[in-house]
Amino acid sequence: MQANWTYIVTTLCVLLAIGFTWQEYRRVNKRNLWLRILAVIIAVASLACIALPITYNGVSSRSAERKVILLTDGFDVDSIKAADTSVVTTDIADKKRYPKAKLINSLDELNKTDQLHVYGYGLRADELAQLDSMPFIFHPAKAPSGISHVSWNGHLKAGEPLHVQGIYNNTSAQKVKLVLSGLNTGLDSVILPANTQTSFSLSASPKTTGKMVFSLSTDTAVQGSIPIQVSAVKPLKILMLSASPDFESKFLKNWLTGNGYAVALRSVISKGKFNSEYINIAQFNSDKLSAQIFDEFDVVIGDLSVLNGLSPAEEGALKQAVTDNGLGLIVRADTIEKTSWLQRQFPVDRAGGKEPGAASVIINGKSSIGKLNYGMANIIYRNGTKPLVKTAHGEILASNTIVGSGRVVFTTINSTFSWMLRGNNADYNALWSALITNAARKDNAVQDEIEFLSPPYIGSPVQLQFAQGKASPVIINNETVAIVQSPNVPFEYTAQYWPAASGWQNMQGKSWYVFANSDWRAAQAATKLSATEKYAKSHEISGNVTKQIQQKVRIDVPKIYFYILLLAACTFLWVETKGLS
């Protein structure tokens, strides 16, 4: 519309200018002809400028001194002053607590030139990302009373106990009784002292298999839900190939059989001579290994020297069983003399110098309780592998990769029996369970767990991490969700999902749990406080001096100038016509 108006005015004024100029040229009295023509053009041009918006580029300065307060869960109403007029929130509950606050749909509506103050527990990690590095001043609320940190083993085998651990922040002057319940029955409890932060540990033994939800509660309120999945025991068949009847093989054999695995152990006595043991499995001749023998097992655990010493026929049968039939293979690196297909993805580095002392190791992201002598060797990372066990300094001690239809786990640890000698069953169980679970045939292995970057809550974006063979979308609750492949591990993927309801969710036969927003309120607050304080420190507002913001803008030319020019031109033409000039 604006463009059409410009064309119309310009066309009319051009026609007027031509017509008036022609009239002046035809005039008999040629006195001051060129001055009159100039005056006519000035008058018509002034008229056009009055009718049209005439602007020019300029610079405008304005101050970024407006204070905006963002209210989040946990804010103190008394901390808001009457003079604070610009108060906003994204939470309806916070709006009800402070009716003067303006409700906004998202943090994208905040003006980046304003001085932002955040009150309360702060924001989630995904909400902080929406601020796009916008600085703010954080006014944290006090951490609430309740469970600030909690963890448990959510995937159990039948007969395994549930362990719940955490920290309770008791801000009251009274002792608190914390109760672990399941199926409306109290299973374990602990009394926590007043006015202190206390760690706690509770346990129970689920009697059934399947999905179930336990809970932690105090005398006054339920703290949160504890979803677990208990699977029936499916004993795996394990073939152990040992270079000698050493302590590592002995304790591993005992642990496997004690946990219901069927085990066949072949140890080298001398060249061409073996000692064989069979527990929970029928005996067979293990002197010559074949494809038929390998197909009877789910996992082969072998010393690298033994596997490299197999005959060509045995090595071919083992490779075929792994790549074509999905056999799992765990390789213990007792030597690095020969490089074969077993070690192609796992180059080993032997550091020089003094051998490090015993230290804790990281198993699937969790630090071991006990210390372990892991030696000088470590695995060099390669794309397509997934580290399973690391040192505290990041050196890889165990890793796995997919080889055809099967998986190969490679480890440089050869002294885990020392944990058992010291009675440290928990770390031993965690390490060997992780290695076997990641190696075993898919038909009999425990299902891959779905991992989360943060606990999933209703109404918040959930980042899921999982493994699968194909880069195809996944189905979550009958809804197709796109996935993103990991740049380093080809079989690992992530997906983002917005759960609409709490409770168990279904993802192509796998189940995971979404918490209600009322679950673990204190833990949610602790997570927000930590994330927001970290963000605020790295995005500080520099100084208290008000900044002047320079902006390029379009400035309108005042119409008064064109009125003056029009009046002057018309006056000249009138005076000249009257012969007064």
Protein backbone atom coordinates (compact mmCIF):
# COMPACT_ATOMS: atom_id res chain seq x y z
CA MET A 1 0.00 0.00 0.00
CA GLN A 2 2.85 2.34 0.92
CA ALA A 3 4.58 1.66 -2.40
CA ASN A 4 1.39 2.41 -4.39
CA TRP A 5 0.94 5.73 -2.55
CA THR A 6 4.53 6.70 -3.39
CA TYR A 7 4.02 5.96 -7.07
CA ILE A 8 0.74 7.93 -7.18
CA VAL A 9 2.15 11.03 -5.46
CA THR A 10 5.35 10.97 -7.52
CA THR A 11 3.43 10.65 -10.79
CA LEU A 12 1.02 13.47 -9.96
CA CYS A 13 3.80 15.80 -8.86
CA VAL A 14 5.85 15.12 -11.98
CA LEU A 15 2.81 15.92 -14.13
CA LEU A 16 2.16 19.10 -12.11
CA ALA A 17 5.79 20.19 -12.49
CA ILE A 18 5.68 19.65 -16.27
CA GLY A 19 2.38 21.48 -16.60
CA PHE A 20 3.37 24.50 -14.49
CA THR A 21 6.76 24.71 -16.20
CA TRP A 22 5.02 24.71 -19.63
CA GLN A 23 2.67 27.47 -18.48
CA GLU A 24 5.60 29.59 -17.36
CA TYR A 25 7.43 28.98 -20.64
CA ARG A 26 4.36 30.01 -22.72
CA ARG A 27 3.98 33.23 -20.77
CA VAL A 28 4.38 36.36 -22.91
CA ASN A 29 6.34 38.30 -20.28
CA LYS A 30 9.65 36.45 -20.09
CA ARG A 31 10.94 38.47 -17.16
CA ASN A 32 12.55 36.20 -14.43
CA LEU A 33 11.57 33.12 -16.48
CA TRP A 34 14.19 30.76 -15.02
CA LEU A 35 13.59 31.95 -11.47
CA ARG A 36 9.87 31.31 -11.87
CA ILE A 37 10.51 27.82 -13.31
CA LEU A 38 12.83 27.07 -10.37
CA ALA A 39 10.20 28.32 -7.92
CA VAL A 40 7.55 26.13 -9.56
CA ILE A 41 9.77 23.04 -9.29
CA ILE A 42 10.59 23.83 -5.62
CA ALA A 43 6.90 24.27 -4.81
CA VAL A 44 5.87 20.99 -6.44
CA ALA A 45 8.80 19.11 -4.84
CA SER A 46 7.89 20.53 -1.42
CA LEU A 47 4.31 19.40 -1.92
CA ALA A 48 5.54 15.88 -2.76
CA CYS A 49 7.77 15.78 0.34
CA ILE A 50 4.84 16.82 2.53
CA ALA A 51 2.72 13.99 1.14
CA LEU A 52 5.48 11.35 1.29
CA PRO A 53 7.46 10.03 4.33
CA ILE A 54 11.00 11.37 3.90
CA THR A 55 13.60 9.66 6.15
CA TYR A 56 17.35 9.26 6.49
CA ASN A 57 19.70 6.80 8.24
CA GLY A 58 20.94 7.85 11.66
CA VAL A 59 22.20 6.57 15.00
CA SER A 60 20.05 6.54 18.12
CA SER A 61 21.32 6.06 21.68
CA ARG A 62 19.28 4.48 24.44
CA SER A 63 20.19 3.07 27.84
CA ALA A 64 19.84 -0.59 28.91
CA GLU A 65 18.89 0.27 32.44
CA ARG A 66 15.47 -1.39 32.67
CA LYS A 67 15.46 -3.95 35.45
CA VAL A 68 13.45 -7.10 34.75
CA ILE A 69 12.81 -9.72 37.44
CA LEU A 70 12.18 -13.33 36.41
CA LEU A 71 10.40 -15.36 39.10
CA THR A 72 11.12 -19.11 39.31
CA ASP A 73 9.96 -21.83 41.67
CA GLY A 74 10.96 -21.18 45.28
CA PHE A 75 11.18 -17.37 45.16
CA ASP A 76 10.44 -15.34 48.29
CA VAL A 77 7.56 -12.87 47.83
CA ASP A 78 9.11 -10.53 50.43
CA SER A 79 12.26 -10.22 48.30
CA ILE A 80 10.27 -8.39 45.57
CA LYS A 81 10.17 -4.63 46.22
CA ALA A 82 7.17 -2.43 45.48
CA ALA A 83 9.33 -0.36 43.11
CA ASP A 84 10.02 -3.45 40.96
CA THR A 85 7.44 -2.98 38.23
CA SER A 86 8.86 -5.24 35.51
CA VAL A 87 8.28 -8.73 36.97
CA VAL A 88 7.68 -11.73 34.71
CA THR A 89 7.33 -15.50 35.05
CA THR A 90 6.67 -18.53 32.86
CA ASP A 91 4.93 -20.50 35.64
CA ILE A 92 1.22 -20.10 36.36
CA ALA A 93 1.80 -21.16 39.99
CA ASP A 94 4.32 -18.33 40.45
CA LYS A 95 1.83 -15.94 38.84
CA LYS A 96 -0.75 -16.92 41.46
CA ARG A 97 1.75 -16.36 44.26
CA TYR A 98 2.65 -12.91 42.90
CA PRO A 99 -0.32 -11.60 40.86
CA LYS A 100 1.56 -8.46 39.76
CA ALA A 101 3.91 -10.60 37.68
CA LYS A 102 3.35 -10.76 33.92
CA LEU A 103 2.96 -14.28 32.54
CA ILE A 104 5.11 -14.90 29.44
CA ASN A 105 5.00 -17.93 27.18
CA SER A 106 8.75 -18.56 26.96
CA LEU A 107 12.12 -17.08 27.85
CA ASP A 108 12.55 -16.02 24.21
CA GLU A 109 10.29 -13.05 25.00
CA LEU A 110 12.92 -11.50 27.29
CA ASN A 111 14.70 -8.43 25.91
CA LYS A 112 18.43 -9.04 25.82
CA THR A 113 19.17 -5.36 26.49
CA ASP A 114 17.37 -5.44 29.85
CA GLN A 115 19.15 -6.11 33.12
CA LEU A 116 17.75 -9.48 34.14
CA HIS A 117 17.45 -10.68 37.75
CA VAL A 118 16.43 -14.29 38.46
CA TYR A 119 14.80 -15.12 41.81
CA GLY A 120 14.13 -18.59 43.24
CA TYR A 121 15.68 -21.97 42.50
CA GLY A 122 16.55 -20.92 38.96
CA LEU A 123 16.13 -22.66 35.62
CA ARG A 124 16.60 -26.09 34.08
CA ALA A 125 19.48 -26.71 31.69
CA ASP A 126 17.19 -26.60 28.62
CA GLU A 127 15.69 -23.29 29.84
CA LEU A 128 19.15 -21.79 30.35
CA ALA A 129 19.98 -22.75 26.77
CA GLN A 130 17.01 -20.64 25.59
CA LEU A 131 18.65 -17.52 27.06
CA ASP A 132 21.35 -17.75 24.38
CA SER A 133 24.18 -16.54 26.68
CA MET A 134 22.09 -13.65 28.06
CA PRO A 135 23.72 -12.50 31.34
CA PHE A 136 21.73 -12.13 34.54
CA ILE A 137 22.08 -11.68 38.29
CA PHE A 138 20.96 -14.72 40.30
CA HIS A 139 19.23 -14.35 43.67
CA PRO A 140 19.09 -18.00 44.82
CA ALA A 141 16.51 -19.25 47.27
CA LYS A 142 17.53 -21.47 50.16
CA ALA A 143 17.64 -25.17 49.35
CA PRO A 144 14.38 -26.76 50.51
CA SER A 145 14.05 -29.54 53.04
CA GLY A 146 13.95 -32.97 51.46
CA ILE A 147 16.02 -35.41 49.39
CA SER A 148 18.53 -33.33 47.43
CA HIS A 149 20.26 -36.29 45.73
CA VAL A 150 19.06 -39.85 45.14
CA SER A 151 20.06 -42.88 43.07
CA TRP A 152 19.12 -46.56 42.82
CA ASN A 153 19.72 -49.64 40.66
CA GLY A 154 16.63 -49.58 38.50
CA HIS A 155 17.32 -52.70 36.41
CA LEU A 156 17.49 -55.87 38.51
CA LYS A 157 17.61 -59.58 37.97
CA ALA A 158 15.33 -61.77 40.02
CA GLY A 159 16.80 -62.19 43.50
CA GLU A 160 18.96 -59.07 43.36
CA PRO A 161 18.31 -56.45 46.07
CA LEU A 162 17.18 -52.89 45.41
CA HIS A 163 19.60 -50.34 46.87
CA VAL A 164 18.50 -46.71 47.31
CA GLN A 165 21.08 -44.11 48.33
CA GLY A 166 20.97 -40.36 48.65
CA ILE A 167 21.31 -37.21 50.75
CA TYR A 168 18.53 -35.71 52.86
CA ASN A 169 18.59 -32.00 53.72
CA ASN A 170 16.71 -31.66 57.01
CA THR A 171 16.11 -27.96 57.74
CA SER A 172 13.72 -28.60 60.63
CA ALA A 173 14.45 -28.93 64.34
CA GLN A 174 12.85 -32.38 64.40
CA LYS A 175 14.19 -35.78 63.40
CA VAL A 176 12.81 -37.23 60.17
CA LYS A 177 11.86 -40.84 59.50
CA LEU A 178 12.47 -41.86 55.90
CA VAL A 179 10.59 -44.95 54.71
CA LEU A 180 11.09 -47.09 51.59
CA SER A 181 7.74 -48.58 50.56
CA GLY A 182 6.50 -50.98 47.91
CA LEU A 183 3.03 -52.33 47.25
CA ASN A 184 1.71 -50.22 50.16
CA THR A 185 4.11 -51.93 52.56
CA GLY A 186 7.03 -50.37 54.43
CA LEU A 187 10.19 -52.28 53.51
CA ASP A 188 13.01 -50.34 55.15
CA SER A 189 13.43 -47.10 57.09
CA VAL A 190 16.00 -44.80 58.66
CA ILE A 191 15.88 -41.94 61.22
CA LEU A 192 17.67 -38.77 60.09
CA PRO A 193 18.95 -36.11 62.54
CA ALA A 194 17.63 -32.53 62.69
CA ASN A 195 19.22 -29.43 61.14
CA THR A 196 21.75 -31.25 58.98
CA GLN A 197 22.44 -32.87 55.63
CA THR A 198 22.68 -36.64 56.05
CA SER A 199 23.43 -39.44 53.59
CA PHE A 200 21.18 -42.48 53.76
CA SER A 201 21.00 -45.99 52.34
CA LEU A 202 17.93 -48.23 52.17
CA SER A 203 17.34 -51.61 50.55
CA ALA A 204 14.64 -54.13 49.74
CA SER A 205 14.29 -57.41 47.85
CA PRO A 206 11.52 -57.39 45.21
CA LYS A 207 9.60 -60.66 45.27
CA THR A 208 8.22 -60.54 41.74
CA THR A 209 9.46 -59.78 38.26
CA GLY A 210 8.32 -57.08 35.86
CA LYS A 211 7.77 -53.34 36.22
CA MET A 212 6.94 -51.85 39.61
CA VAL A 213 7.13 -48.52 41.39
CA PHE A 214 8.44 -48.14 44.94
CA SER A 215 8.46 -44.84 46.85
CA LEU A 216 10.36 -42.88 49.47
CA SER A 217 8.35 -40.89 51.98
CA THR A 218 8.55 -39.08 55.30
CA ASP A 219 5.88 -38.72 57.97
CA THR A 220 4.47 -35.69 56.16
CA ALA A 221 4.98 -36.20 52.43
CA VAL A 222 5.98 -38.57 49.63
CA GLN A 223 9.43 -37.60 48.39
CA GLY A 224 9.33 -39.40 45.07
CA SER A 225 8.72 -42.54 43.01
CA ILE A 226 11.31 -45.28 42.48
CA PRO A 227 10.54 -47.17 39.25
CA ILE A 228 12.35 -50.50 38.81
CA GLN A 229 12.29 -53.35 36.34
CA VAL A 230 13.03 -56.87 37.55
CA SER A 231 13.83 -59.43 34.86
CA ALA A 232 13.81 -63.17 35.21
CA VAL A 233 17.21 -64.82 35.37
CA LYS A 234 18.25 -66.22 32.00
CA PRO A 235 21.51 -68.10 32.61
CA LEU A 236 24.11 -67.56 29.94
CA LYS A 237 26.50 -70.22 28.69
CA ILE A 238 30.12 -69.08 29.09
CA LEU A 239 33.21 -70.68 27.53
CA MET A 240 36.45 -69.67 29.27
CA LEU A 241 39.80 -70.16 27.49
CA SER A 242 42.65 -69.53 29.93
CA ALA A 243 46.39 -69.49 29.28
CA SER A 244 46.94 -71.04 32.71
CA PRO A 245 44.93 -72.01 35.80
CA ASP A 246 45.51 -68.59 37.46
CA PHE A 247 43.66 -66.78 40.25
CA GLU A 248 41.80 -64.49 37.84
CA SER A 249 40.23 -67.43 36.01
CA LYS A 250 39.52 -69.32 39.25
CA PHE A 251 37.65 -66.46 40.92
CA LEU A 252 35.80 -65.58 37.70
CA LYS A 253 34.69 -69.20 37.29
CA ASN A 254 33.43 -69.29 40.87
CA TRP A 255 31.58 -65.98 40.45
CA LEU A 256 29.95 -67.10 37.20
CA THR A 257 28.75 -70.41 38.60
CA GLY A 258 27.60 -68.73 41.81
CA ASN A 259 25.39 -66.46 39.73
CA GLY A 260 23.78 -69.31 37.81
CA TYR A 261 25.84 -69.21 34.61
CA ALA A 262 26.68 -72.42 32.77
CA VAL A 263 30.48 -72.51 32.48
CA ALA A 264 33.01 -74.56 30.55
CA LEU A 265 36.66 -73.75 31.39
CA ARG A 266 39.66 -74.88 29.36
CA SER A 267 43.10 -74.07 30.80
CA VAL A 268 46.42 -74.69 29.06
CA ILE A 269 48.69 -77.07 31.03
CA SER A 270 51.38 -77.51 28.42
CA LYS A 271 51.59 -77.33 24.66
CA GLY A 272 48.64 -79.24 23.24
CA LYS A 273 47.42 -80.35 26.68
CA PHE A 274 44.45 -78.83 28.50
CA ASN A 275 42.56 -79.11 31.74
CA SER A 276 38.79 -78.82 31.33
CA GLU A 277 36.03 -78.12 33.86
CA TYR A 278 32.28 -78.19 33.28
CA ILE A 279 29.79 -76.60 35.71
CA ASN A 280 26.02 -76.61 35.02
CA ILE A 281 26.71 -77.84 31.49
CA ALA A 282 27.15 -81.17 29.73
CA GLN A 283 30.73 -82.27 29.10
CA PHE A 284 32.25 -82.24 25.61
CA ASN A 285 35.68 -82.55 24.04
CA SER A 286 37.19 -79.06 24.15
CA ASP A 287 40.61 -79.98 22.76
CA LYS A 288 39.53 -78.96 19.28
CA LEU A 289 37.16 -76.03 19.06
CA SER A 290 34.67 -75.87 16.19
CA ALA A 291 31.78 -73.78 14.92
CA GLN A 292 29.34 -76.26 16.50
CA ILE A 293 30.94 -75.78 19.92
CA PHE A 294 30.99 -71.98 19.68
CA ASP A 295 27.32 -71.93 18.67
CA GLU A 296 26.43 -73.61 21.99
CA PHE A 297 27.71 -70.61 23.98
CA ASP A 298 26.63 -67.01 24.45
CA VAL A 299 30.00 -65.56 25.49
CA VAL A 300 33.61 -66.63 25.09
CA ILE A 301 36.07 -65.19 27.63
CA GLY A 302 39.63 -65.77 26.50
CA ASP A 303 43.18 -64.62 27.14
CA LEU A 304 44.60 -62.87 24.08
CA SER A 305 47.59 -65.25 23.97
CA VAL A 306 45.25 -68.25 23.83
CA LEU A 307 43.00 -66.72 21.16
CA ASN A 308 46.00 -65.74 19.04
CA GLY A 309 47.34 -69.30 19.43
CA LEU A 310 44.25 -70.99 17.99
CA SER A 311 44.71 -73.06 14.86
CA PRO A 312 43.58 -71.45 11.59
CA ALA A 313 40.45 -73.64 11.59
CA GLU A 314 39.60 -72.71 15.20
CA GLU A 315 40.27 -69.01 14.58
CA GLY A 316 38.05 -69.08 11.47
CA ALA A 317 35.26 -70.82 13.37
CA LEU A 318 35.47 -68.26 16.20
CA LYS A 319 35.44 -65.29 13.82
CA GLN A 320 32.45 -66.73 11.94
CA ALA A 321 30.58 -67.36 15.19
CA VAL A 322 31.09 -63.73 16.21
CA THR A 323 30.45 -61.96 12.91
CA ASP A 324 27.69 -64.19 11.53
CA ASN A 325 25.98 -65.75 14.55
CA GLY A 326 26.27 -63.00 17.19
CA LEU A 327 28.60 -64.75 19.64
CA GLY A 328 29.95 -62.40 22.31
CA LEU A 329 33.70 -62.31 22.92
CA ILE A 330 35.61 -60.88 25.90
CA VAL A 331 39.36 -60.63 25.28
CA ARG A 332 41.72 -60.32 28.26
CA ALA A 333 44.95 -58.70 27.05
CA ASP A 334 47.62 -60.76 28.74
CA THR A 335 50.00 -60.11 25.83
CA ILE A 336 50.36 -57.76 22.87
CA GLU A 337 52.83 -59.80 20.85
CA LYS A 338 50.63 -60.37 17.81
CA THR A 339 48.10 -58.05 16.23
CA SER A 340 45.02 -59.85 14.91
CA TRP A 341 41.39 -59.07 14.08
CA LEU A 342 40.68 -59.29 17.81
CA GLN A 343 42.78 -56.21 18.54
CA ARG A 344 42.28 -54.17 15.38
CA GLN A 345 39.93 -51.71 17.10
CA PHE A 346 41.81 -51.82 20.41
CA PRO A 347 45.46 -50.68 20.08
CA VAL A 348 47.20 -50.91 23.44
CA ASP A 349 49.62 -48.39 24.85
CA ARG A 350 52.07 -49.36 27.58
CA ALA A 351 53.12 -46.25 29.49
CA GLY A 352 56.70 -46.02 30.68
CA GLY A 353 57.91 -45.17 34.13
CA LYS A 354 56.82 -46.45 37.51
CA GLU A 355 53.70 -48.60 37.66
CA PRO A 356 50.83 -46.65 39.26
CA GLY A 357 49.51 -47.76 42.62
CA ALA A 358 46.07 -49.14 43.29
CA ALA A 359 43.27 -46.66 42.52
CA SER A 360 39.54 -46.53 41.91
CA VAL A 361 38.25 -47.13 38.38
CA ILE A 362 35.18 -45.77 36.59
CA ILE A 363 32.72 -48.52 35.55
CA ASN A 364 29.99 -47.31 33.18
CA GLY A 365 30.39 -43.78 34.55
CA LYS A 366 30.37 -44.78 38.25
CA SER A 367 33.46 -44.83 40.45
CA SER A 368 34.35 -48.10 42.16
CA ILE A 369 34.36 -48.24 45.94
CA GLY A 370 37.57 -50.26 46.15
CA LYS A 371 40.95 -49.68 44.57
CA LEU A 372 42.50 -51.87 41.89
CA ASN A 373 45.99 -52.44 40.48
CA TYR A 374 45.32 -52.08 36.76
CA GLY A 375 48.92 -52.03 35.53
CA MET A 376 50.63 -49.94 32.86
CA ALA A 377 48.58 -50.88 29.78
CA ASN A 378 45.59 -48.95 28.50
CA ILE A 379 43.52 -48.94 25.32
CA ILE A 380 43.86 -46.14 22.75
CA TYR A 381 40.43 -44.84 21.76
CA ARG A 382 39.20 -45.48 18.21
CA ASN A 383 35.98 -44.32 16.54
CA GLY A 384 33.36 -47.05 16.61
CA THR A 385 34.26 -48.27 20.10
CA LYS A 386 32.57 -47.61 23.43
CA PRO A 387 34.70 -47.35 26.58
CA LEU A 388 33.28 -49.35 29.51
CA VAL A 389 35.94 -48.98 32.20
CA LYS A 390 38.30 -46.03 32.67
CA THR A 391 40.80 -44.77 35.19
CA ALA A 392 40.17 -41.57 37.12
CA HIS A 393 42.52 -39.87 34.63
CA GLY A 394 40.54 -41.04 31.60
CA GLU A 395 42.72 -43.94 30.38
CA ILE A 396 40.57 -46.72 28.89
CA LEU A 397 40.86 -50.13 30.55
CA ALA A 398 37.94 -51.90 28.84
CA SER A 399 36.05 -51.10 25.65
CA ASN A 400 33.69 -52.80 23.22
CA THR A 401 32.69 -52.64 19.59
CA ILE A 402 30.30 -54.35 17.18
CA VAL A 403 31.86 -56.91 14.83
CA GLY A 404 29.26 -58.08 12.35
CA SER A 405 26.37 -59.58 14.31
CA GLY A 406 28.36 -59.95 17.52
CA ARG A 407 30.27 -57.79 19.97
CA VAL A 408 33.86 -57.87 21.13
CA VAL A 409 34.91 -56.54 24.52
CA PHE A 410 38.62 -55.90 25.07
CA THR A 411 40.12 -55.37 28.54
CA THR A 412 43.61 -54.86 29.92
CA ILE A 413 42.54 -55.60 33.52
CA ASN A 414 43.86 -58.90 34.86
CA SER A 415 43.69 -58.53 38.64
CA THR A 416 40.01 -58.18 39.52
CA PHE A 417 40.33 -61.20 41.84
CA SER A 418 42.00 -58.85 44.38
CA TRP A 419 38.57 -57.28 44.98
CA MET A 420 37.15 -60.69 45.90
CA LEU A 421 40.10 -61.39 48.21
CA ARG A 422 39.23 -58.20 50.10
CA GLY A 423 35.52 -59.07 50.19
CA ASN A 424 34.60 -56.34 47.70
CA ASN A 425 31.85 -58.20 45.87
CA ALA A 426 30.00 -55.04 44.73
CA ASP A 427 32.79 -53.73 42.46
CA TYR A 428 33.55 -57.21 41.13
CA ASN A 429 29.87 -57.73 40.29
CA ALA A 430 29.62 -54.31 38.64
CA LEU A 431 32.69 -54.80 36.44
CA TRP A 432 32.04 -58.31 35.18
CA SER A 433 28.30 -57.72 34.81
CA ALA A 434 29.11 -54.72 32.60
CA LEU A 435 31.58 -56.68 30.46
CA ILE A 436 29.31 -59.72 30.03
CA THR A 437 26.16 -57.66 29.40
CA ASN A 438 27.91 -55.68 26.66
CA ALA A 439 29.29 -58.83 25.02
CA ALA A 440 26.51 -61.43 25.28
CA ARG A 441 24.38 -62.55 22.37
CA LYS A 442 21.42 -60.25 21.88
CA ASP A 443 18.86 -63.04 22.27
CA ASN A 444 19.98 -63.80 25.80
CA ALA A 445 21.60 -60.57 26.91
CA VAL A 446 19.93 -58.15 29.24
CA GLN A 447 18.20 -55.51 27.13
CA ASP A 448 20.20 -52.38 26.47
CA GLU A 449 19.18 -49.73 28.92
CA ILE A 450 17.90 -46.37 27.78
CA GLU A 451 20.05 -43.66 29.31
CA PHE A 452 19.07 -40.06 30.04
CA LEU A 453 21.08 -36.85 30.14
CA SER A 454 18.83 -35.80 33.04
CA PRO A 455 15.89 -37.43 34.87
CA PRO A 456 12.73 -37.32 32.70
CA TYR A 457 9.84 -35.22 34.00
CA ILE A 458 6.42 -34.56 32.49
CA GLY A 459 6.29 -31.47 30.28
CA SER A 460 10.08 -31.13 29.96
CA PRO A 461 12.23 -32.22 27.00
CA VAL A 462 13.85 -35.61 27.55
CA GLN A 463 17.15 -36.54 25.88
CA LEU A 464 17.29 -40.32 25.42
CA GLN A 465 20.48 -42.24 24.60
CA PHE A 466 20.29 -45.82 23.31
CA ALA A 467 21.91 -48.33 20.98
CA GLN A 468 20.43 -49.87 17.85
CA GLY A 469 21.65 -51.30 14.59
CA LYS A 470 19.83 -49.05 12.09
CA ALA A 471 19.52 -45.27 11.76
CA SER A 472 15.72 -45.42 11.59
CA PRO A 473 13.25 -43.35 13.66
CA VAL A 474 11.96 -44.85 16.90
CA ILE A 475 8.37 -45.24 18.06
CA ILE A 476 7.63 -43.82 21.52
CA ASN A 477 4.06 -44.28 22.77
CA ASN A 478 2.88 -44.82 19.15
CA GLU A 479 4.55 -41.56 18.10
CA THR A 480 7.41 -41.49 15.56
CA VAL A 481 10.46 -39.65 16.89
CA ALA A 482 13.54 -38.71 14.85
CA ILE A 483 16.96 -39.82 16.11
CA VAL A 484 20.52 -38.46 15.81
CA GLN A 485 23.50 -40.76 15.35
CA SER A 486 26.56 -40.35 17.59
CA PRO A 487 29.56 -38.99 15.65
CA ASN A 488 31.94 -41.31 17.52
CA VAL A 489 29.98 -44.53 18.15
CA PRO A 490 28.00 -45.60 15.04
CA PHE A 491 25.49 -47.76 16.92
CA GLU A 492 24.62 -45.13 19.54
CA TYR A 493 21.78 -42.65 18.98
CA THR A 494 19.98 -39.85 20.81
CA ALA A 495 16.40 -38.64 20.55
CA GLN A 496 14.43 -35.79 22.11
CA TYR A 497 10.92 -36.43 23.37
CA TRP A 498 8.32 -34.34 25.25
CA PRO A 499 6.34 -36.71 27.53
CA ALA A 500 2.70 -35.71 27.94
CA ALA A 501 1.97 -37.94 30.95
CA SER A 502 3.88 -39.38 33.87
CA GLY A 503 4.37 -43.11 34.42
CA TRP A 504 5.78 -45.91 32.27
CA GLN A 505 6.53 -45.06 28.64
CA ASN A 506 6.94 -47.56 25.80
CA MET A 507 9.72 -47.39 23.22
CA GLN A 508 9.66 -50.34 20.83
CA GLY A 509 9.42 -52.97 23.56
CA LYS A 510 11.61 -51.08 26.03
CA SER A 511 10.10 -49.28 29.00
CA TRP A 512 11.21 -46.16 30.83
CA TYR A 513 9.59 -44.01 33.47
CA VAL A 514 8.60 -40.33 33.46
CA PHE A 515 8.32 -38.65 36.85
CA ALA A 516 5.51 -36.32 37.88
CA ASN A 517 6.56 -32.75 38.65
CA SER A 518 5.70 -33.42 42.30
CA ASP A 519 8.40 -36.14 42.48
CA TRP A 520 11.75 -35.28 44.03
CA ARG A 521 11.00 -31.58 44.46
CA ALA A 522 14.08 -30.98 46.59
CA ALA A 523 16.30 -32.84 44.12
CA GLN A 524 14.86 -30.80 41.24
CA ALA A 525 15.53 -27.60 43.19
CA ALA A 526 19.13 -28.67 43.92
CA THR A 527 19.74 -29.41 40.24
CA LYS A 528 18.32 -26.03 39.16
CA LEU A 529 20.30 -24.14 41.81
CA SER A 530 23.54 -25.78 40.71
CA ALA A 531 22.95 -25.28 36.97
CA THR A 532 21.77 -21.67 37.37
CA GLU A 533 24.63 -20.66 39.67
CA LYS A 534 27.13 -22.14 37.22
CA TYR A 535 25.49 -20.29 34.31
CA ALA A 536 25.33 -16.97 36.22
CA LYS A 537 29.04 -17.14 37.09
CA SER A 538 30.03 -17.75 33.47
CA HIS A 539 27.64 -15.05 32.15
CA GLU A 540 28.13 -12.22 34.62
CA ILE A 541 26.83 -8.68 34.03
CA SER A 542 30.00 -6.58 33.89
CA GLY A 543 29.81 -3.55 36.20
CA ASN A 544 26.85 -1.52 37.46
CA VAL A 545 27.24 1.35 34.98
CA THR A 546 24.33 1.72 32.63
CA LYS A 547 25.35 0.96 29.06
CA GLN A 548 24.43 3.17 26.14
CA ILE A 549 23.10 1.10 23.31
CA GLN A 550 23.84 2.55 19.84
CA GLN A 551 21.31 1.59 17.16
CA LYS A 552 21.05 2.43 13.47
CA VAL A 553 17.54 3.74 12.81
CA ARG A 554 15.48 5.51 10.12
CA ILE A 555 14.77 9.12 11.18
CA ASP A 556 11.86 11.15 9.73
CA VAL A 557 12.71 14.58 8.26
CA PRO A 558 10.46 17.22 9.94
CA LYS A 559 7.66 18.38 7.60
CA ILE A 560 8.07 22.01 8.72
CA TYR A 561 11.02 22.45 6.38
CA PHE A 562 8.95 21.52 3.34
CA TYR A 563 6.07 23.80 4.42
CA ILE A 564 8.54 26.70 4.62
CA LEU A 565 9.94 25.93 1.15
CA LEU A 566 6.43 25.67 -0.32
CA LEU A 567 5.40 28.96 1.29
CA ALA A 568 8.58 30.72 0.07
CA ALA A 569 8.18 29.48 -3.52
CA CYS A 570 4.50 30.42 -3.66
CA THR A 571 5.21 33.87 -2.17
CA PHE A 572 7.89 34.54 -4.79
CA LEU A 573 5.56 33.57 -7.63
CA TRP A 574 2.73 35.79 -6.27
CA VAL A 575 5.00 38.82 -5.73
CA GLU A 576 6.62 38.43 -9.12
CA THR A 577 3.20 38.22 -10.79
CA LYS A 578 2.10 41.46 -9.10
CA GLY A 579 5.17 43.19 -10.44
CA LEU A 580 6.52 44.00 -6.94
CA SER A 581 9.88 42.40 -7.36
